[in-house]
Amino acid sequence: MSTTTAPDPSVAIPLSSAQERLWIANQIDPGSSAYFVARAAWITGPLQVGLLRASLAAVMARHEALRTRFPVIDGQPLQVVEAEAIPEFEI
C-alpha cells in the first residue's frame, strides 16, 4: 500500500508544460472562458448549507487541483498546493 503526505504549502513547484500553456493563455486573455466548463444543478427542498460546505470540502481535500494556486514569484509562475482549502460561497 502506498502512502502520501500532505503537500507543503510553503513549497512552490514549477508549472508543468500544460499548466504553463494555460497560464500564458490566461495572461494573454484574462477572464476568458475558453477552458472553463460550467455546470449547473437545480436543488429542491431546504438547503443544508453546513452539509453542502462539508461535501465541497471533502471533494477539495481529495483533489489537489482544486487546492492549487499559481503565484508569480520573481516573474516566474509557480504552483503551490494548499494543504487545506475551505470552500467559500454566498447563498
N, C-alpha and C. Protein backbone atom coordinates (compact mmCIF):
# COMPACT_ATOMS: atom_id res chain seq x y z
N MET A 1 0.85 -1.17 0.00
CA MET A 1 0.00 0.00 0.00
C MET A 1 0.89 1.23 0.00
N SER A 2 0.57 2.19 -0.86
CA SER A 2 1.35 3.42 -0.91
C SER A 2 0.74 4.45 0.03
N THR A 3 1.60 5.29 0.54
CA THR A 3 1.12 6.37 1.40
C THR A 3 1.54 7.69 0.78
N THR A 4 0.75 8.70 1.02
CA THR A 4 1.09 10.02 0.52
C THR A 4 1.11 10.97 1.70
N THR A 5 1.88 12.02 1.54
CA THR A 5 1.92 13.03 2.58
C THR A 5 1.22 14.28 2.07
N ALA A 6 0.73 15.06 2.98
CA ALA A 6 0.05 16.30 2.60
C ALA A 6 1.06 17.24 1.97
N PRO A 7 0.66 17.95 0.92
CA PRO A 7 1.58 18.89 0.29
C PRO A 7 1.98 20.00 1.24
N ASP A 8 3.19 20.47 1.09
CA ASP A 8 3.69 21.57 1.91
C ASP A 8 3.39 22.88 1.20
N PRO A 9 2.45 23.69 1.74
CA PRO A 9 2.08 24.92 1.04
C PRO A 9 3.20 25.95 0.97
N SER A 10 4.29 25.73 1.71
CA SER A 10 5.40 26.68 1.64
C SER A 10 6.32 26.36 0.47
N VAL A 11 6.09 25.25 -0.22
CA VAL A 11 6.93 24.84 -1.34
C VAL A 11 6.25 25.19 -2.65
N ALA A 12 6.93 25.99 -3.45
CA ALA A 12 6.44 26.35 -4.77
C ALA A 12 7.13 25.46 -5.80
N ILE A 13 6.34 24.88 -6.68
CA ILE A 13 6.85 23.94 -7.67
C ILE A 13 6.70 24.57 -9.06
N PRO A 14 7.66 24.34 -9.95
CA PRO A 14 7.50 24.86 -11.31
C PRO A 14 6.24 24.28 -11.96
N LEU A 15 5.66 25.02 -12.89
CA LEU A 15 4.47 24.55 -13.60
C LEU A 15 4.86 23.44 -14.59
N SER A 16 3.92 22.53 -14.82
CA SER A 16 4.12 21.55 -15.89
C SER A 16 3.97 22.31 -17.21
N SER A 17 4.35 21.70 -18.31
CA SER A 17 4.23 22.39 -19.59
C SER A 17 2.77 22.68 -19.91
N ALA A 18 1.85 21.79 -19.57
CA ALA A 18 0.42 22.03 -19.81
C ALA A 18 -0.07 23.20 -18.95
N GLN A 19 0.33 23.24 -17.67
CA GLN A 19 -0.06 24.34 -16.80
C GLN A 19 0.50 25.66 -17.30
N GLU A 20 1.73 25.62 -17.79
CA GLU A 20 2.34 26.85 -18.29
C GLU A 20 1.61 27.38 -19.52
N ARG A 21 1.19 26.48 -20.42
CA ARG A 21 0.43 26.91 -21.59
C ARG A 21 -0.88 27.57 -21.17
N LEU A 22 -1.58 26.97 -20.20
CA LEU A 22 -2.83 27.56 -19.73
C LEU A 22 -2.58 28.90 -19.04
N TRP A 23 -1.50 28.99 -18.27
CA TRP A 23 -1.16 30.24 -17.59
C TRP A 23 -0.88 31.34 -18.62
N ILE A 24 -0.12 31.01 -19.66
CA ILE A 24 0.19 32.00 -20.70
C ILE A 24 -1.09 32.44 -21.40
N ALA A 25 -1.97 31.48 -21.72
CA ALA A 25 -3.23 31.82 -22.37
C ALA A 25 -4.05 32.76 -21.49
N ASN A 26 -4.02 32.54 -20.19
CA ASN A 26 -4.75 33.42 -19.27
C ASN A 26 -4.11 34.80 -19.19
N GLN A 27 -2.80 34.88 -19.32
CA GLN A 27 -2.13 36.18 -19.31
C GLN A 27 -2.48 36.98 -20.56
N ILE A 28 -2.61 36.29 -21.69
CA ILE A 28 -2.95 36.95 -22.96
C ILE A 28 -4.39 37.41 -22.96
N ASP A 29 -5.30 36.58 -22.43
CA ASP A 29 -6.73 36.89 -22.45
C ASP A 29 -7.33 36.61 -21.07
N PRO A 30 -7.07 37.48 -20.08
CA PRO A 30 -7.59 37.25 -18.73
C PRO A 30 -9.12 37.16 -18.72
N GLY A 31 -9.63 36.25 -17.94
CA GLY A 31 -11.08 36.13 -17.82
C GLY A 31 -11.74 35.36 -18.94
N SER A 32 -10.94 34.85 -19.89
CA SER A 32 -11.51 34.08 -21.00
C SER A 32 -12.18 32.82 -20.46
N SER A 33 -13.25 32.43 -21.09
CA SER A 33 -13.94 31.20 -20.69
C SER A 33 -13.56 30.02 -21.59
N ALA A 34 -12.45 30.16 -22.34
CA ALA A 34 -12.05 29.13 -23.29
C ALA A 34 -11.83 27.77 -22.61
N TYR A 35 -11.31 27.74 -21.41
CA TYR A 35 -11.04 26.47 -20.73
C TYR A 35 -11.91 26.30 -19.49
N PHE A 36 -13.03 26.98 -19.48
CA PHE A 36 -13.94 26.94 -18.33
C PHE A 36 -15.14 26.08 -18.69
N VAL A 37 -15.42 25.10 -17.88
CA VAL A 37 -16.58 24.24 -18.11
C VAL A 37 -17.58 24.52 -16.99
N ALA A 38 -18.69 25.12 -17.35
CA ALA A 38 -19.70 25.47 -16.35
C ALA A 38 -20.70 24.34 -16.19
N ARG A 39 -21.15 24.16 -15.00
CA ARG A 39 -22.19 23.19 -14.70
C ARG A 39 -23.19 23.84 -13.76
N ALA A 40 -24.43 23.47 -13.88
CA ALA A 40 -25.47 23.98 -13.00
C ALA A 40 -26.38 22.82 -12.61
N ALA A 41 -26.95 22.93 -11.44
CA ALA A 41 -27.89 21.91 -10.98
C ALA A 41 -28.98 22.59 -10.17
N TRP A 42 -30.19 22.10 -10.33
CA TRP A 42 -31.30 22.60 -9.53
C TRP A 42 -31.38 21.75 -8.27
N ILE A 43 -31.47 22.41 -7.15
CA ILE A 43 -31.61 21.71 -5.88
C ILE A 43 -32.97 22.09 -5.31
N THR A 44 -33.76 21.09 -5.00
CA THR A 44 -35.08 21.38 -4.44
C THR A 44 -35.08 21.03 -2.95
N GLY A 45 -35.96 21.66 -2.24
CA GLY A 45 -36.06 21.43 -0.80
C GLY A 45 -35.15 22.35 -0.04
N PRO A 46 -35.17 22.24 1.27
CA PRO A 46 -34.34 23.13 2.10
C PRO A 46 -32.86 22.80 1.93
N LEU A 47 -32.06 23.83 1.78
CA LEU A 47 -30.62 23.65 1.62
C LEU A 47 -29.95 23.63 2.99
N GLN A 48 -29.19 22.57 3.23
CA GLN A 48 -28.42 22.47 4.47
C GLN A 48 -27.00 22.95 4.15
N VAL A 49 -26.78 24.22 4.39
CA VAL A 49 -25.52 24.87 3.99
C VAL A 49 -24.31 24.18 4.61
N GLY A 50 -24.41 23.77 5.85
CA GLY A 50 -23.29 23.09 6.51
C GLY A 50 -22.91 21.80 5.80
N LEU A 51 -23.91 21.02 5.39
CA LEU A 51 -23.63 19.77 4.67
C LEU A 51 -23.06 20.04 3.28
N LEU A 52 -23.57 21.05 2.61
CA LEU A 52 -23.03 21.42 1.30
C LEU A 52 -21.57 21.83 1.42
N ARG A 53 -21.27 22.67 2.40
CA ARG A 53 -19.89 23.13 2.62
C ARG A 53 -18.99 21.94 2.96
N ALA A 54 -19.45 21.03 3.81
CA ALA A 54 -18.66 19.85 4.19
C ALA A 54 -18.41 18.94 2.99
N SER A 55 -19.43 18.79 2.13
CA SER A 55 -19.29 17.95 0.94
C SER A 55 -18.26 18.54 -0.02
N LEU A 56 -18.35 19.85 -0.25
CA LEU A 56 -17.38 20.50 -1.13
C LEU A 56 -15.98 20.43 -0.55
N ALA A 57 -15.85 20.58 0.76
CA ALA A 57 -14.54 20.50 1.42
C ALA A 57 -13.95 19.09 1.25
N ALA A 58 -14.80 18.06 1.33
CA ALA A 58 -14.32 16.68 1.16
C ALA A 58 -13.80 16.45 -0.26
N VAL A 59 -14.50 16.99 -1.25
CA VAL A 59 -14.04 16.86 -2.64
C VAL A 59 -12.72 17.61 -2.81
N MET A 60 -12.63 18.81 -2.26
CA MET A 60 -11.40 19.60 -2.37
C MET A 60 -10.23 18.91 -1.67
N ALA A 61 -10.50 18.22 -0.58
CA ALA A 61 -9.44 17.52 0.15
C ALA A 61 -8.86 16.38 -0.68
N ARG A 62 -9.70 15.75 -1.51
CA ARG A 62 -9.24 14.62 -2.32
C ARG A 62 -8.51 15.03 -3.59
N HIS A 63 -8.74 16.25 -4.06
CA HIS A 63 -8.20 16.64 -5.36
C HIS A 63 -7.31 17.88 -5.24
N GLU A 64 -6.00 17.65 -5.37
CA GLU A 64 -5.03 18.74 -5.26
C GLU A 64 -5.29 19.87 -6.25
N ALA A 65 -5.79 19.52 -7.42
CA ALA A 65 -6.03 20.55 -8.45
C ALA A 65 -6.99 21.62 -7.96
N LEU A 66 -7.89 21.26 -7.05
CA LEU A 66 -8.85 22.23 -6.53
C LEU A 66 -8.26 23.08 -5.40
N ARG A 67 -7.05 22.72 -4.95
CA ARG A 67 -6.39 23.48 -3.88
C ARG A 67 -5.11 24.15 -4.37
N THR A 68 -4.89 24.16 -5.66
CA THR A 68 -3.65 24.70 -6.23
C THR A 68 -3.84 26.14 -6.68
N ARG A 69 -2.89 26.97 -6.31
CA ARG A 69 -2.88 28.36 -6.78
C ARG A 69 -1.58 28.59 -7.52
N PHE A 70 -1.54 29.66 -8.31
CA PHE A 70 -0.41 29.90 -9.20
C PHE A 70 0.16 31.30 -9.00
N PRO A 71 0.93 31.50 -7.94
CA PRO A 71 1.53 32.82 -7.73
C PRO A 71 2.69 33.04 -8.72
N VAL A 72 2.98 34.30 -8.98
CA VAL A 72 4.14 34.65 -9.80
C VAL A 72 5.20 35.15 -8.83
N ILE A 73 6.33 34.47 -8.79
CA ILE A 73 7.42 34.81 -7.88
C ILE A 73 8.65 35.11 -8.72
N ASP A 74 9.18 36.30 -8.57
CA ASP A 74 10.34 36.76 -9.36
C ASP A 74 10.06 36.60 -10.86
N GLY A 75 8.84 36.93 -11.27
CA GLY A 75 8.47 36.87 -12.68
C GLY A 75 8.20 35.47 -13.21
N GLN A 76 8.27 34.46 -12.36
CA GLN A 76 8.10 33.07 -12.78
C GLN A 76 6.82 32.50 -12.16
N PRO A 77 5.88 31.99 -12.98
CA PRO A 77 4.69 31.37 -12.41
C PRO A 77 5.05 30.03 -11.77
N LEU A 78 4.54 29.81 -10.58
CA LEU A 78 4.78 28.56 -9.86
C LEU A 78 3.46 28.03 -9.35
N GLN A 79 3.44 26.76 -8.97
CA GLN A 79 2.22 26.22 -8.38
C GLN A 79 2.47 25.92 -6.90
N VAL A 80 1.47 26.24 -6.11
CA VAL A 80 1.52 25.97 -4.68
C VAL A 80 0.23 25.23 -4.34
N VAL A 81 0.38 24.03 -3.78
CA VAL A 81 -0.79 23.24 -3.39
C VAL A 81 -1.04 23.49 -1.91
N GLU A 82 -2.20 24.06 -1.61
CA GLU A 82 -2.56 24.32 -0.22
C GLU A 82 -2.88 23.00 0.48
N ALA A 83 -2.47 22.88 1.73
CA ALA A 83 -2.76 21.67 2.50
C ALA A 83 -4.26 21.52 2.75
N GLU A 84 -4.93 22.67 2.88
CA GLU A 84 -6.36 22.65 3.17
C GLU A 84 -7.01 23.84 2.47
N ALA A 85 -8.20 23.64 2.00
CA ALA A 85 -8.95 24.74 1.41
C ALA A 85 -10.39 24.66 1.93
N ILE A 86 -10.91 25.80 2.28
CA ILE A 86 -12.28 25.88 2.78
C ILE A 86 -13.12 26.54 1.70
N PRO A 87 -14.13 25.82 1.20
CA PRO A 87 -14.96 26.42 0.15
C PRO A 87 -15.69 27.65 0.66
N GLU A 88 -15.62 28.71 -0.13
CA GLU A 88 -16.32 29.95 0.22
C GLU A 88 -17.37 30.23 -0.83
N PHE A 89 -18.57 30.49 -0.41
CA PHE A 89 -19.64 30.84 -1.34
C PHE A 89 -20.74 31.56 -0.58
N GLU A 90 -21.54 32.28 -1.33
CA GLU A 90 -22.68 33.00 -0.74
C GLU A 90 -23.96 32.34 -1.20
N ILE A 91 -24.93 32.34 -0.32
CA ILE A 91 -26.26 31.78 -0.63
C ILE A 91 -27.23 32.93 -0.75
